[in-house]
Amino acid sequence: MSNTTNTINSKRFVIRKSLINKNTTINVEFKNGKSCTYNHDEVYNIMKDTLTKLPCFIKYNSYTSSSNVPVSVRNIVEVITPTV
């Protein structure tokens, strides 16, 4: 694994095959104003058994969520809700 950390800013939660073992940190700001930051590899390792069975991951090599973090990784990904 590389010692270099790559950072991606996104408007959706994303797991991509092309980012596996790339030591990537992803910053997300959802449309609803919530935000989070996560390590792609840590999240992939937790989700990989599920991802490898999902048609979207099989066909497009990617999984995305535009509204929230998947339940299976919410214990390691802190979602920040904006104050009004």
Protein backbone atom coordinates (compact mmCIF):
# COMPACT_ATOMS: atom_id res chain seq x y z
CA MET A 1 0.00 0.00 0.00
CA SER A 2 1.20 3.48 -0.82
CA ASN A 3 2.26 5.91 1.92
CA THR A 4 0.83 8.80 -0.10
CA THR A 5 -2.69 9.87 0.80
CA ASN A 6 -4.96 10.98 -2.00
CA THR A 7 -7.99 13.12 -1.25
CA ILE A 8 -11.22 13.31 -3.24
CA ASN A 9 -14.08 15.74 -2.68
CA SER A 10 -17.46 14.36 -3.68
CA LYS A 11 -21.17 15.06 -3.46
CA ARG A 12 -21.94 11.38 -2.77
CA PHE A 13 -20.60 8.43 -0.81
CA VAL A 14 -18.58 6.30 -3.23
CA ILE A 15 -16.66 3.03 -3.30
CA ARG A 16 -14.78 2.30 -6.55
CA LYS A 17 -12.66 -0.66 -7.60
CA SER A 18 -10.14 1.77 -9.07
CA LEU A 19 -9.53 3.29 -5.61
CA ILE A 20 -8.85 0.03 -3.76
CA ASN A 21 -5.44 0.08 -2.06
CA LYS A 22 -4.82 3.69 -3.13
CA ASN A 23 -4.96 5.09 0.44
CA THR A 24 -7.66 7.58 -0.52
CA THR A 25 -9.55 9.84 1.85
CA ILE A 26 -12.95 10.92 0.58
CA ASN A 27 -14.71 14.08 1.77
CA VAL A 28 -18.44 14.07 1.05
CA GLU A 29 -20.98 16.85 1.25
CA PHE A 30 -24.46 15.48 0.61
CA LYS A 31 -27.25 17.56 -0.94
CA ASN A 32 -29.05 17.63 2.42
CA GLY A 33 -26.06 19.46 3.97
CA LYS A 34 -24.68 16.49 5.91
CA SER A 35 -21.00 15.73 5.43
CA CYS A 36 -18.46 13.04 6.25
CA THR A 37 -14.86 12.01 5.66
CA TYR A 38 -13.72 8.40 5.35
CA ASN A 39 -10.84 6.20 4.32
CA HIS A 40 -11.90 4.37 1.15
CA ASP A 41 -9.90 1.21 1.92
CA GLU A 42 -11.25 0.83 5.47
CA VAL A 43 -14.82 1.18 4.25
CA TYR A 44 -14.24 -1.15 1.28
CA ASN A 45 -12.84 -3.87 3.56
CA ILE A 46 -15.97 -3.76 5.72
CA MET A 47 -18.35 -3.69 2.73
CA LYS A 48 -16.53 -5.96 0.23
CA ASP A 49 -18.63 -9.10 0.85
CA THR A 50 -21.78 -7.12 0.13
CA LEU A 51 -20.31 -5.08 -2.72
CA THR A 52 -19.14 -8.08 -4.71
CA LYS A 53 -22.78 -9.25 -4.91
CA LEU A 54 -24.32 -5.92 -5.93
CA PRO A 55 -25.23 -5.59 -9.63
CA CYS A 56 -24.04 -1.95 -9.73
CA PHE A 57 -20.61 -2.87 -8.36
CA ILE A 58 -20.30 -5.83 -10.72
CA LYS A 59 -21.37 -3.86 -13.79
CA TYR A 60 -19.93 -0.39 -13.10
CA ASN A 61 -17.11 -1.21 -10.63
CA SER A 62 -18.63 1.39 -8.33
CA TYR A 63 -21.15 1.85 -5.53
CA THR A 64 -22.59 5.26 -4.68
CA SER A 65 -25.13 6.76 -2.31
CA SER A 66 -26.25 10.33 -2.83
CA SER A 67 -28.12 10.72 0.45
CA ASN A 68 -26.25 9.02 3.30
CA VAL A 69 -23.52 6.64 4.47
CA PRO A 70 -24.45 2.93 4.33
CA VAL A 71 -25.62 1.49 7.65
CA SER A 72 -22.85 -1.13 7.68
CA VAL A 73 -20.13 1.54 8.03
CA ARG A 74 -21.86 4.22 10.07
CA ASN A 75 -19.97 3.01 13.15
CA ILE A 76 -16.64 4.12 11.61
CA VAL A 77 -17.79 7.05 9.44
CA GLU A 78 -18.93 10.09 11.35
CA VAL A 79 -21.74 11.94 9.63
CA ILE A 80 -21.86 15.63 10.52
CA THR A 81 -25.26 17.27 10.46
CA PRO A 82 -25.25 21.04 9.93
CA THR A 83 -26.70 23.24 12.63
CA VAL A 84 -29.51 25.50 11.56
